[in-house]
C-alpha atoms as a PDB file:
ATOM      1  CA  UNK A   1      19.903 122.394 155.432  1.00  0.00           C
ATOM      2  CA  UNK A   2      19.873 121.067 158.985  1.00  0.00           C
ATOM      3  CA  UNK A   3      17.556 123.003 161.258  1.00  0.00           C
ATOM      4  CA  UNK A   4      17.632 120.724 164.302  1.00  0.00           C
ATOM      5  CA  UNK A   5      13.965 119.881 163.865  1.00  0.00           C
ATOM      6  CA  UNK A   6      12.948 116.248 163.784  1.00  0.00           C
ATOM      7  CA  UNK A   7      11.529 115.273 160.407  1.00  0.00           C
ATOM      8  CA  UNK A   8      10.719 111.688 161.345  1.00  0.00           C
ATOM      9  CA  UNK A   9       9.952 110.274 164.760  1.00  0.00           C
ATOM     10  CA  UNK A  10      10.383 106.572 165.572  1.00  0.00           C
ATOM     11  CA  UNK A  11       8.511 105.275 168.570  1.00  0.00           C
ATOM     12  CA  UNK A  12       8.861 101.766 169.953  1.00  0.00           C
ATOM     13  CA  UNK A  13       6.339 100.740 172.581  1.00  0.00           C
ATOM     14  CA  UNK A  14       5.874  97.572 174.575  1.00  0.00           C
ATOM     15  CA  UNK A  15       2.654  96.606 176.261  1.00  0.00           C
ATOM     16  CA  UNK A  16       2.883  96.274 179.984  1.00  0.00           C
ATOM     17  CA  UNK A  17       3.588  92.621 180.795  1.00  0.00           C
ATOM     18  CA  UNK A  18       1.372  92.646 183.855  1.00  0.00           C
ATOM     19  CA  UNK A  19      -1.540  93.889 181.735  1.00  0.00           C
ATOM     20  CA  UNK A  20      -0.894  91.107 179.224  1.00  0.00           C
ATOM     21  CA  UNK A  21      -0.887  88.450 181.939  1.00  0.00           C
ATOM     22  CA  UNK A  22      -4.092  89.838 183.433  1.00  0.00           C
ATOM     23  CA  UNK A  23      -5.778  89.805 180.034  1.00  0.00           C
ATOM     24  CA  UNK A  24      -4.627  86.222 179.536  1.00  0.00           C
ATOM     25  CA  UNK A  25      -5.958  85.235 182.951  1.00  0.00           C
ATOM     26  CA  UNK A  26      -9.378  86.653 182.077  1.00  0.00           C
ATOM     27  CA  UNK A  27      -9.355  84.855 178.722  1.00  0.00           C
ATOM     28  CA  UNK A  28      -8.448  81.526 180.348  1.00  0.00           C
ATOM     29  CA  UNK A  29     -11.222  81.938 182.908  1.00  0.00           C
ATOM     30  CA  UNK A  30     -13.707  82.505 180.078  1.00  0.00           C
ATOM     31  CA  UNK A  31     -12.462  79.422 178.236  1.00  0.00           C
ATOM     32  CA  UNK A  32     -12.587  77.195 181.326  1.00  0.00           C
ATOM     33  CA  UNK A  33     -16.185  78.206 182.014  1.00  0.00           C
ATOM     34  CA  UNK A  34     -17.231  75.258 179.829  1.00  0.00           C
ATOM     35  CA  UNK A  35     -14.764  72.725 181.226  1.00  0.00           C
ATOM     36  CA  UNK A  36     -16.617  69.651 182.595  1.00  0.00           C
ATOM     37  CA  UNK A  37     -16.683  69.609 186.402  1.00  0.00           C
ATOM     38  CA  UNK A  38     -15.453  66.394 188.007  1.00  0.00           C
ATOM     39  CA  UNK A  39     -17.682  64.431 190.352  1.00  0.00           C
ATOM     40  CA  UNK A  40     -16.541  64.522 194.005  1.00  0.00           C
ATOM     41  CA  UNK A  41     -14.432  61.586 195.185  1.00  0.00           C
ATOM     42  CA  UNK A  42     -15.504  59.744 198.329  1.00  0.00           C
ATOM     43  CA  UNK A  43     -13.706  61.037 201.421  1.00  0.00           C
ATOM     44  CA  UNK A  44     -11.561  58.783 203.650  1.00  0.00           C
ATOM     45  CA  UNK A  45     -13.175  57.590 206.881  1.00  0.00           C
ATOM     46  CA  UNK A  46     -10.540  58.674 209.411  1.00  0.00           C
ATOM     47  CA  UNK A  47      -7.991  61.502 209.368  1.00  0.00           C
ATOM     48  CA  UNK A  48      -5.910  63.286 212.023  1.00  0.00           C
ATOM     49  CA  UNK A  49      -7.603  66.676 212.129  1.00  0.00           C
ATOM     50  CA  UNK A  50      -4.681  68.703 213.512  1.00  0.00           C
ATOM     51  CA  UNK A  51      -2.232  67.638 210.809  1.00  0.00           C
ATOM     52  CA  UNK A  52      -1.403  68.976 207.343  1.00  0.00           C
ATOM     53  CA  UNK A  53       0.837  67.122 204.885  1.00  0.00           C
ATOM     54  CA  UNK A  54       2.693  69.485 202.554  1.00  0.00           C
ATOM     55  CA  UNK A  55       3.748  67.641 199.383  1.00  0.00           C
ATOM     56  CA  UNK A  56       6.464  69.757 197.755  1.00  0.00           C
ATOM     57  CA  UNK A  57       7.044  69.349 194.010  1.00  0.00           C
ATOM     58  CA  UNK A  58       9.284  71.965 192.445  1.00  0.00           C
ATOM     59  CA  UNK A  59      11.130  72.482 189.160  1.00  0.00           C
ATOM     60  CA  UNK A  60       9.725  69.316 187.637  1.00  0.00           C
ATOM     61  CA  UNK A  61      10.352  70.493 184.050  1.00  0.00           C
ATOM     62  CA  UNK A  62       7.768  68.336 182.305  1.00  0.00           C
ATOM     63  CA  UNK A  63       8.649  68.345 178.619  1.00  0.00           C
ATOM     64  CA  UNK A  64      12.401  68.616 179.150  1.00  0.00           C
ATOM     65  CA  UNK A  65      14.633  66.205 177.234  1.00  0.00           C
ATOM     66  CA  UNK A  66      17.809  64.845 178.783  1.00  0.00           C
ATOM     67  CA  UNK A  67      20.168  62.215 177.333  1.00  0.00           C
ATOM     68  CA  UNK A  68      22.119  60.083 179.814  1.00  0.00           C
ATOM     69  CA  UNK A  69      25.279  60.077 177.688  1.00  0.00           C
ATOM     70  CA  UNK A  70      25.471  63.851 178.078  1.00  0.00           C
ATOM     71  CA  UNK A  71      23.858  64.462 181.468  1.00  0.00           C
ATOM     72  CA  UNK A  72      24.164  61.098 183.240  1.00  0.00           C
ATOM     73  CA  UNK A  73      20.366  60.706 183.375  1.00  0.00           C
ATOM     74  CA  UNK A  74      17.485  60.244 180.936  1.00  0.00           C
ATOM     75  CA  UNK A  75      14.405  62.464 181.159  1.00  0.00           C
ATOM     76  CA  UNK A  76      11.406  62.822 178.884  1.00  0.00           C
ATOM     77  CA  UNK A  77       7.623  63.084 179.161  1.00  0.00           C
ATOM     78  CA  UNK A  78       7.126  59.350 179.736  1.00  0.00           C
ATOM     79  CA  UNK A  79       9.820  59.105 182.433  1.00  0.00           C
ATOM     80  CA  UNK A  80       8.580  62.277 184.139  1.00  0.00           C
ATOM     81  CA  UNK A  81       4.994  60.997 184.248  1.00  0.00           C
ATOM     82  CA  UNK A  82       5.939  57.632 185.722  1.00  0.00           C
ATOM     83  CA  UNK A  83       8.364  59.170 188.230  1.00  0.00           C
ATOM     84  CA  UNK A  84       5.807  61.640 189.566  1.00  0.00           C
ATOM     85  CA  UNK A  85       3.008  59.103 190.061  1.00  0.00           C
ATOM     86  CA  UNK A  86       5.235  56.610 191.844  1.00  0.00           C
ATOM     87  CA  UNK A  87       7.045  59.251 193.923  1.00  0.00           C
ATOM     88  CA  UNK A  88       3.795  60.825 195.086  1.00  0.00           C
ATOM     89  CA  UNK A  89       2.389  57.407 195.982  1.00  0.00           C
ATOM     90  CA  UNK A  90       5.515  56.688 198.024  1.00  0.00           C
ATOM     91  CA  UNK A  91       5.317  60.001 199.895  1.00  0.00           C
ATOM     92  CA  UNK A  92       1.657  59.424 200.724  1.00  0.00           C
ATOM     93  CA  UNK A  93       2.276  55.876 201.942  1.00  0.00           C
ATOM     94  CA  UNK A  94       5.013  57.021 204.344  1.00  0.00           C
ATOM     95  CA  UNK A  95       3.171  60.105 205.658  1.00  0.00           C
ATOM     96  CA  UNK A  96       0.475  60.242 208.364  1.00  0.00           C
ATOM     97  CA  UNK A  97      -3.223  60.319 207.532  1.00  0.00           C
ATOM     98  CA  UNK A  98      -3.505  64.078 207.934  1.00  0.00           C
ATOM     99  CA  UNK A  99      -6.851  65.804 207.543  1.00  0.00           C
ATOM    100  CA  UNK A 100      -5.348  68.247 205.009  1.00  0.00           C
ATOM    101  CA  UNK A 101      -3.168  67.395 202.046  1.00  0.00           C
ATOM    102  CA  UNK A 102      -1.468  70.409 200.468  1.00  0.00           C
ATOM    103  CA  UNK A 103      -0.102  69.778 196.961  1.00  0.00           C
ATOM    104  CA  UNK A 104       2.576  72.437 196.673  1.00  0.00           C
ATOM    105  CA  UNK A 105       3.611  72.612 193.029  1.00  0.00           C
ATOM    106  CA  UNK A 106       6.227  75.350 193.453  1.00  0.00           C
ATOM    107  CA  UNK A 107       6.667  76.393 189.828  1.00  0.00           C
ATOM    108  CA  UNK A 108       8.558  75.386 186.695  1.00  0.00           C
ATOM    109  CA  UNK A 109       6.440  72.277 186.404  1.00  0.00           C
ATOM    110  CA  UNK A 110       6.602  72.815 182.652  1.00  0.00           C
ATOM    111  CA  UNK A 111       9.987  73.179 180.971  1.00  0.00           C
ATOM    112  CA  UNK A 112       8.596  75.352 178.156  1.00  0.00           C
ATOM    113  CA  UNK A 113       5.906  77.953 178.659  1.00  0.00           C
ATOM    114  CA  UNK A 114       2.652  77.474 176.754  1.00  0.00           C
ATOM    115  CA  UNK A 115       0.878  78.827 174.702  1.00  0.00           C
ATOM    116  CA  UNK A 116       4.296  79.939 173.421  1.00  0.00           C
ATOM    117  CA  UNK A 117       5.416  77.588 170.654  1.00  0.00           C
ATOM    118  CA  UNK A 118       9.173  78.195 170.886  1.00  0.00           C
ATOM    119  CA  UNK A 119      11.290  76.132 173.300  1.00  0.00           C
ATOM    120  CA  UNK A 120      12.846  79.094 175.115  1.00  0.00           C
ATOM    121  CA  UNK A 121      12.544  80.591 178.598  1.00  0.00           C
ATOM    122  CA  UNK A 122       9.923  83.398 178.748  1.00  0.00           C
ATOM    123  CA  UNK A 123      12.125  86.076 180.296  1.00  0.00           C
ATOM    124  CA  UNK A 124      15.652  85.406 178.992  1.00  0.00           C
ATOM    125  CA  UNK A 125      14.829  83.576 175.746  1.00  0.00           C
ATOM    126  CA  UNK A 126      17.359  80.843 176.539  1.00  0.00           C
ATOM    127  CA  UNK A 127      17.121  77.833 174.223  1.00  0.00           C
ATOM    128  CA  UNK A 128      15.705  74.673 175.861  1.00  0.00           C
ATOM    129  CA  UNK A 129      15.965  70.960 175.136  1.00  0.00           C
ATOM    130  CA  UNK A 130      12.338  69.915 174.705  1.00  0.00           C
ATOM    131  CA  UNK A 131      10.649  66.533 174.308  1.00  0.00           C
ATOM    132  CA  UNK A 132       7.657  66.430 172.027  1.00  0.00           C
ATOM    133  CA  UNK A 133       5.053  68.769 170.657  1.00  0.00           C
ATOM    134  CA  UNK A 134       3.067  71.164 172.879  1.00  0.00           C
ATOM    135  CA  UNK A 135      -0.085  69.031 172.684  1.00  0.00           C
ATOM    136  CA  UNK A 136       1.811  65.990 173.986  1.00  0.00           C
ATOM    137  CA  UNK A 137       3.379  67.856 176.910  1.00  0.00           C
ATOM    138  CA  UNK A 138       0.223  69.730 177.936  1.00  0.00           C
ATOM    139  CA  UNK A 139      -1.879  66.556 177.786  1.00  0.00           C
ATOM    140  CA  UNK A 140       0.616  64.671 179.984  1.00  0.00           C
ATOM    141  CA  UNK A 141       0.799  67.589 182.424  1.00  0.00           C
ATOM    142  CA  UNK A 142      -2.955  67.788 182.944  1.00  0.00           C
ATOM    143  CA  UNK A 143      -3.399  64.027 183.330  1.00  0.00           C
ATOM    144  CA  UNK A 144      -0.523  63.470 185.753  1.00  0.00           C
ATOM    145  CA  UNK A 145      -1.434  66.439 187.961  1.00  0.00           C
ATOM    146  CA  UNK A 146      -5.054  65.311 188.024  1.00  0.00           C
ATOM    147  CA  UNK A 147      -3.856  61.841 189.077  1.00  0.00           C
ATOM    148  CA  UNK A 148      -1.888  63.421 191.935  1.00  0.00           C
ATOM    149  CA  UNK A 149      -4.919  65.406 193.137  1.00  0.00           C
ATOM    150  CA  UNK A 150      -7.170  62.343 192.977  1.00  0.00           C
ATOM    151  CA  UNK A 151      -4.644  60.278 194.944  1.00  0.00           C
ATOM    152  CA  UNK A 152      -4.523  62.973 197.610  1.00  0.00           C
ATOM    153  CA  UNK A 153      -8.338  62.988 197.825  1.00  0.00           C
ATOM    154  CA  UNK A 154      -8.272  59.277 198.650  1.00  0.00           C
ATOM    155  CA  UNK A 155      -6.084  59.958 201.716  1.00  0.00           C
ATOM    156  CA  UNK A 156      -7.109  63.415 202.979  1.00  0.00           C
ATOM    157  CA  UNK A 157     -10.444  64.966 203.941  1.00  0.00           C
ATOM    158  CA  UNK A 158      -9.360  68.289 202.404  1.00  0.00           C
ATOM    159  CA  UNK A 159      -6.928  68.929 199.541  1.00  0.00           C
ATOM    160  CA  UNK A 160      -5.340  72.286 198.717  1.00  0.00           C
ATOM    161  CA  UNK A 161      -3.705  72.683 195.297  1.00  0.00           C
ATOM    162  CA  UNK A 162      -1.091  75.342 194.533  1.00  0.00           C
ATOM    163  CA  UNK A 163       0.164  75.799 190.960  1.00  0.00           C
ATOM    164  CA  UNK A 164       2.811  78.447 191.599  1.00  0.00           C
ATOM    165  CA  UNK A 165       4.332  80.693 188.969  1.00  0.00           C
ATOM    166  CA  UNK A 166       7.883  79.863 187.891  1.00  0.00           C
ATOM    167  CA  UNK A 167      10.287  81.512 185.492  1.00  0.00           C
ATOM    168  CA  UNK A 168       9.790  78.699 182.933  1.00  0.00           C
ATOM    169  CA  UNK A 169       5.969  78.642 183.137  1.00  0.00           C
ATOM    170  CA  UNK A 170       4.761  82.167 183.854  1.00  0.00           C
ATOM    171  CA  UNK A 171       1.813  81.802 181.463  1.00  0.00           C
ATOM    172  CA  UNK A 172       1.225  78.086 181.996  1.00  0.00           C
ATOM    173  CA  UNK A 173       0.774  78.608 185.735  1.00  0.00           C
ATOM    174  CA  UNK A 174      -2.230  80.802 184.911  1.00  0.00           C
ATOM    175  CA  UNK A 175      -4.076  78.201 182.859  1.00  0.00           C
ATOM    176  CA  UNK A 176      -3.131  75.473 185.339  1.00  0.00           C
ATOM    177  CA  UNK A 177      -4.683  77.454 188.195  1.00  0.00           C
ATOM    178  CA  UNK A 178      -7.826  78.247 186.204  1.00  0.00           C
ATOM    179  CA  UNK A 179      -8.203  74.778 184.687  1.00  0.00           C
ATOM    180  CA  UNK A 180      -7.880  72.877 187.964  1.00  0.00           C
ATOM    181  CA  UNK A 181     -10.102  75.390 189.721  1.00  0.00           C
ATOM    182  CA  UNK A 182     -12.776  74.707 187.109  1.00  0.00           C
ATOM    183  CA  UNK A 183     -12.380  70.913 187.099  1.00  0.00           C
ATOM    184  CA  UNK A 184     -12.751  70.579 190.881  1.00  0.00           C
ATOM    185  CA  UNK A 185     -15.288  73.369 191.316  1.00  0.00           C
ATOM    186  CA  UNK A 186     -18.030  70.946 192.384  1.00  0.00           C
ATOM    187  CA  UNK A 187     -15.864  69.141 194.932  1.00  0.00           C
ATOM    188  CA  UNK A 188     -16.084  70.965 198.291  1.00  0.00           C
ATOM    189  CA  UNK A 189     -13.045  69.049 199.535  1.00  0.00           C
ATOM    190  CA  UNK A 190     -10.717  70.699 196.985  1.00  0.00           C
ATOM    191  CA  UNK A 191      -9.361  74.236 197.176  1.00  0.00           C
ATOM    192  CA  UNK A 192      -7.310  75.457 194.204  1.00  0.00           C
ATOM    193  CA  UNK A 193      -5.249  78.581 194.889  1.00  0.00           C
ATOM    194  CA  UNK A 194      -5.929  81.172 192.183  1.00  0.00           C
ATOM    195  CA  UNK A 195      -3.693  84.195 192.610  1.00  0.00           C
ATOM    196  CA  UNK A 196      -2.009  86.586 190.154  1.00  0.00           C
ATOM    197  CA  UNK A 197       0.597  87.368 192.820  1.00  0.00           C
ATOM    198  CA  UNK A 198       3.610  84.973 192.720  1.00  0.00           C
ATOM    199  CA  UNK A 199       3.808  84.915 196.539  1.00  0.00           C
ATOM    200  CA  UNK A 200       1.409  82.703 198.488  1.00  0.00           C
ATOM    201  CA  UNK A 201       0.448  82.071 202.119  1.00  0.00           C
ATOM    202  CA  UNK A 202      -1.619  79.561 204.105  1.00  0.00           C
ATOM    203  CA  UNK A 203      -2.533  79.651 207.796  1.00  0.00           C
ATOM    204  CA  UNK A 204      -2.836  76.297 209.592  1.00  0.00           C
ATOM    205  CA  UNK A 205      -3.697  77.081 213.209  1.00  0.00           C
ATOM    206  CA  UNK A 206      -0.606  78.662 214.734  1.00  0.00           C
ATOM    207  CA  UNK A 207       1.488  77.602 211.752  1.00  0.00           C
ATOM    208  CA  UNK A 208       2.063  79.858 208.734  1.00  0.00           C
ATOM    209  CA  UNK A 209       3.224  78.483 205.403  1.00  0.00           C
ATOM    210  CA  UNK A 210       4.632  80.815 202.746  1.00  0.00           C
ATOM    211  CA  UNK A 211       5.572  80.037 199.147  1.00  0.00           C
ATOM    212  CA  UNK A 212       7.453  81.588 196.214  1.00  0.00           C
ATOM    213  CA  UNK A 213       9.263  79.916 193.324  1.00  0.00           C
ATOM    214  CA  UNK A 214      12.424  81.940 193.915  1.00  0.00           C
ATOM    215  CA  UNK A 215      12.816  83.602 190.510  1.00  0.00           C
ATOM    216  CA  UNK A 216      11.928  87.101 191.685  1.00  0.00           C
ATOM    217  CA  UNK A 217      13.229  87.162 195.269  1.00  0.00           C
ATOM    218  CA  UNK A 218      16.171  85.169 196.612  1.00  0.00           C
ATOM    219  CA  UNK A 219      15.728  83.091 199.804  1.00  0.00           C
ATOM    220  CA  UNK A 220      17.511  85.644 202.003  1.00  0.00           C
ATOM    221  CA  UNK A 221      15.028  88.337 200.981  1.00  0.00           C
ATOM    222  CA  UNK A 222      11.855  86.296 201.390  1.00  0.00           C
ATOM    223  CA  UNK A 223      11.250  86.870 205.140  1.00  0.00           C
ATOM    224  CA  UNK A 224      10.693  90.589 204.581  1.00  0.00           C
ATOM    225  CA  UNK A 225       8.525  90.023 201.513  1.00  0.00           C
ATOM    226  CA  UNK A 226       6.316  87.466 203.263  1.00  0.00           C
ATOM    227  CA  UNK A 227       5.896  89.667 206.339  1.00  0.00           C
ATOM    228  CA  UNK A 228       4.963  92.679 204.197  1.00  0.00           C
ATOM    229  CA  UNK A 229       2.658  90.839 201.798  1.00  0.00           C
ATOM    230  CA  UNK A 230       0.839  88.773 204.438  1.00  0.00           C
ATOM    231  CA  UNK A 231       0.905  90.756 207.707  1.00  0.00           C
ATOM    232  CA  UNK A 232      -2.249  89.168 209.102  1.00  0.00           C
ATOM    233  CA  UNK A 233      -1.074  85.579 208.564  1.00  0.00           C
ATOM    234  CA  UNK A 234       2.343  86.559 209.950  1.00  0.00           C
ATOM    235  CA  UNK A 235       0.916  88.279 213.025  1.00  0.00           C
ATOM    236  CA  UNK A 236      -1.555  85.537 213.964  1.00  0.00           C
ATOM    237  CA  UNK A 237       0.945  82.655 213.919  1.00  0.00           C
ATOM    238  CA  UNK A 238       3.724  81.367 216.146  1.00  0.00           C
ATOM    239  CA  UNK A 239       5.528  79.033 213.715  1.00  0.00           C
ATOM    240  CA  UNK A 240       6.411  80.277 210.226  1.00  0.00           C
ATOM    241  CA  UNK A 241       7.908  78.348 207.309  1.00  0.00           C
ATOM    242  CA  UNK A 242       8.755  79.580 203.827  1.00  0.00           C
ATOM    243  CA  UNK A 243       9.358  77.348 200.811  1.00  0.00           C
ATOM    244  CA  UNK A 244      10.988  78.061 197.453  1.00  0.00           C
ATOM    245  CA  UNK A 245      12.720  76.214 194.614  1.00  0.00           C
ATOM    246  CA  UNK A 246      14.325  77.532 191.412  1.00  0.00           C
ATOM    247  CA  UNK A 247      17.946  76.514 192.049  1.00  0.00           C
ATOM    248  CA  UNK A 248      17.330  72.715 192.183  1.00  0.00           C
ATOM    249  CA  UNK A 249      19.399  72.169 195.342  1.00  0.00           C
ATOM    250  CA  UNK A 250      18.568  72.432 199.020  1.00  0.00           C
ATOM    251  CA  UNK A 251      19.442  75.478 201.124  1.00  0.00           C
ATOM    252  CA  UNK A 252      18.037  76.163 204.569  1.00  0.00           C
ATOM    253  CA  UNK A 253      18.065  79.525 206.311  1.00  0.00           C
ATOM    254  CA  UNK A 254      17.476  78.693 209.966  1.00  0.00           C
ATOM    255  CA  UNK A 255      15.012  80.624 212.066  1.00  0.00           C
ATOM    256  CA  UNK A 256      16.352  83.840 213.500  1.00  0.00           C
ATOM    257  CA  UNK A 257      14.727  86.104 216.042  1.00  0.00           C
ATOM    258  CA  UNK A 258      15.115  89.094 213.764  1.00  0.00           C
ATOM    259  CA  UNK A 259      13.442  87.270 210.842  1.00  0.00           C
ATOM    260  CA  UNK A 260      10.892  85.032 212.536  1.00  0.00           C
ATOM    261  CA  UNK A 261      10.625  82.478 209.742  1.00  0.00           C
ATOM    262  CA  UNK A 262      12.483  79.419 208.463  1.00  0.00           C
ATOM    263  CA  UNK A 263      13.090  79.436 204.697  1.00  0.00           C
ATOM    264  CA  UNK A 264      13.907  76.234 202.799  1.00  0.00           C
ATOM    265  CA  UNK A 265      15.000  76.055 199.166  1.00  0.00           C
ATOM    266  CA  UNK A 266      14.013  72.616 197.876  1.00  0.00           C
ATOM    267  CA  UNK A 267      15.520  70.032 195.557  1.00  0.00           C
ATOM    268  CA  UNK A 268      13.843  68.654 192.450  1.00  0.00           C
ATOM    269  CA  UNK A 269      13.010  65.116 191.315  1.00  0.00           C
ATOM    270  CA  UNK A 270      13.826  66.003 187.718  1.00  0.00           C
ATOM    271  CA  UNK A 271      17.021  65.004 185.957  1.00  0.00           C
ATOM    272  CA  UNK A 272      19.624  67.560 184.922  1.00  0.00           C
ATOM    273  CA  UNK A 273      19.408  69.104 181.470  1.00  0.00           C
ATOM    274  CA  UNK A 274      22.396  69.724 179.219  1.00  0.00           C
ATOM    275  CA  UNK A 275      22.853  73.268 180.527  1.00  0.00           C
ATOM    276  CA  UNK A 276      23.185  72.091 184.141  1.00  0.00           C
ATOM    277  CA  UNK A 277      25.424  69.153 183.268  1.00  0.00           C
ATOM    278  CA  UNK A 278      27.784  71.212 181.132  1.00  0.00           C
ATOM    279  CA  UNK A 279      27.865  73.929 183.800  1.00  0.00           C
ATOM    280  CA  UNK A 280      28.949  71.434 186.457  1.00  0.00           C
ATOM    281  CA  UNK A 281      25.801  71.780 188.591  1.00  0.00           C
ATOM    282  CA  UNK A 282      25.011  68.738 190.720  1.00  0.00           C
ATOM    283  CA  UNK A 283      22.456  68.032 193.455  1.00  0.00           C
ATOM    284  CA  UNK A 284      20.490  65.126 194.894  1.00  0.00           C
ATOM    285  CA  UNK A 285      17.164  64.439 193.232  1.00  0.00           C
ATOM    286  CA  UNK A 286      14.449  64.404 195.897  1.00  0.00           C
ATOM    287  CA  UNK A 287      10.938  65.463 196.782  1.00  0.00           C
ATOM    288  CA  UNK A 288       9.684  66.020 200.307  1.00  0.00           C
ATOM    289  CA  UNK A 289       6.489  65.768 202.323  1.00  0.00           C
ATOM    290  CA  UNK A 290       6.488  67.831 205.522  1.00  0.00           C
ATOM    291  CA  UNK A 291       3.834  67.350 208.195  1.00  0.00           C
ATOM    292  CA  UNK A 292       2.675  70.336 210.261  1.00  0.00           C
ATOM    293  CA  UNK A 293       0.565  70.394 213.426  1.00  0.00           C
ATOM    294  CA  UNK A 294      -1.920  73.200 214.120  1.00  0.00           C
ATOM    295  CA  UNK A 295      -0.388  73.897 217.534  1.00  0.00           C
ATOM    296  CA  UNK A 296       3.203  72.688 217.285  1.00  0.00           C
ATOM    297  CA  UNK A 297       4.494  73.535 213.822  1.00  0.00           C
ATOM    298  CA  UNK A 298       6.591  71.013 211.891  1.00  0.00           C
ATOM    299  CA  UNK A 299       6.427  67.525 213.396  1.00  0.00           C
ATOM    300  CA  UNK A 300       7.646  65.125 210.667  1.00  0.00           C
ATOM    301  CA  UNK A 301       9.068  64.851 207.161  1.00  0.00           C
ATOM    302  CA  UNK A 302       9.460  62.212 204.458  1.00  0.00           C
ATOM    303  CA  UNK A 303      11.838  62.231 201.486  1.00  0.00           C
ATOM    304  CA  UNK A 304      11.615  60.254 198.264  1.00  0.00           C
ATOM    305  CA  UNK A 305      14.180  59.879 195.486  1.00  0.00           C
ATOM    306  CA  UNK A 306      14.097  58.205 192.049  1.00  0.00           C
ATOM    307  CA  UNK A 307      16.301  55.414 193.399  1.00  0.00           C
ATOM    308  CA  UNK A 308      13.621  54.538 195.977  1.00  0.00           C
ATOM    309  CA  UNK A 309      10.998  53.836 193.302  1.00  0.00           C
ATOM    310  CA  UNK A 310      13.169  52.230 190.626  1.00  0.00           C
END
């Protein structure tokens, strides 16, 4: 006989993702407590104290596999490592000797998120074309990013390192922040940004720099988010620039009086994967270094492409 009373009750619960990420962050910080600290690198003799070079690296997708017959371009761990070292060297050689070098790794540096073992995107579970085992990709990532930081230390008196969260590397961005913070802890010339919030800001005199990968807020919505999240940086600056990636092609939203900030969506150096090629997505492959002055905002920029270093 049916009485309307529930005889069995099925409950499905899911732990809050933010709580999981916070727990992971704490675990990574505990693990990195025993990471060997690197000895400080000797500082350059002469730098232009009012300048900051912003080296923008976004959507690099280390660990992605691309076959030229399908995508028009080859990409694997070895190619990605060589391309990054030579591209960064080229950008540094063409940029002024600024006092501050800001390595802006804008997210999705890794194609697959680790410690996850499956080659899928964290949020949508889309299948990914991956090159190599996790150990191979993680090892290459740490060594090439350390090489980039060390190169920057040879040119700049101060180096700031941002390992931003992306939609492909939500977890990996946490251990990258914690690991590099631990490695360079004894070097007073290195500042590693460690933030659980996927929006970031830096004040350089009267110039404000804002950053977000672009996976949570589209470029058109970023001015309001930056102003609300960082009101002090916003209010104390005259020139404001926001940077994002995610879409792999360049889009610029010019400064407007009602927004007060210039937002640029940046290209990537990485090759297309099969998904992009089959979907008909095309864009130039480039990285950019932008130079900012404490009093006058943006004053110069340098671009580098794979063709320039081949």
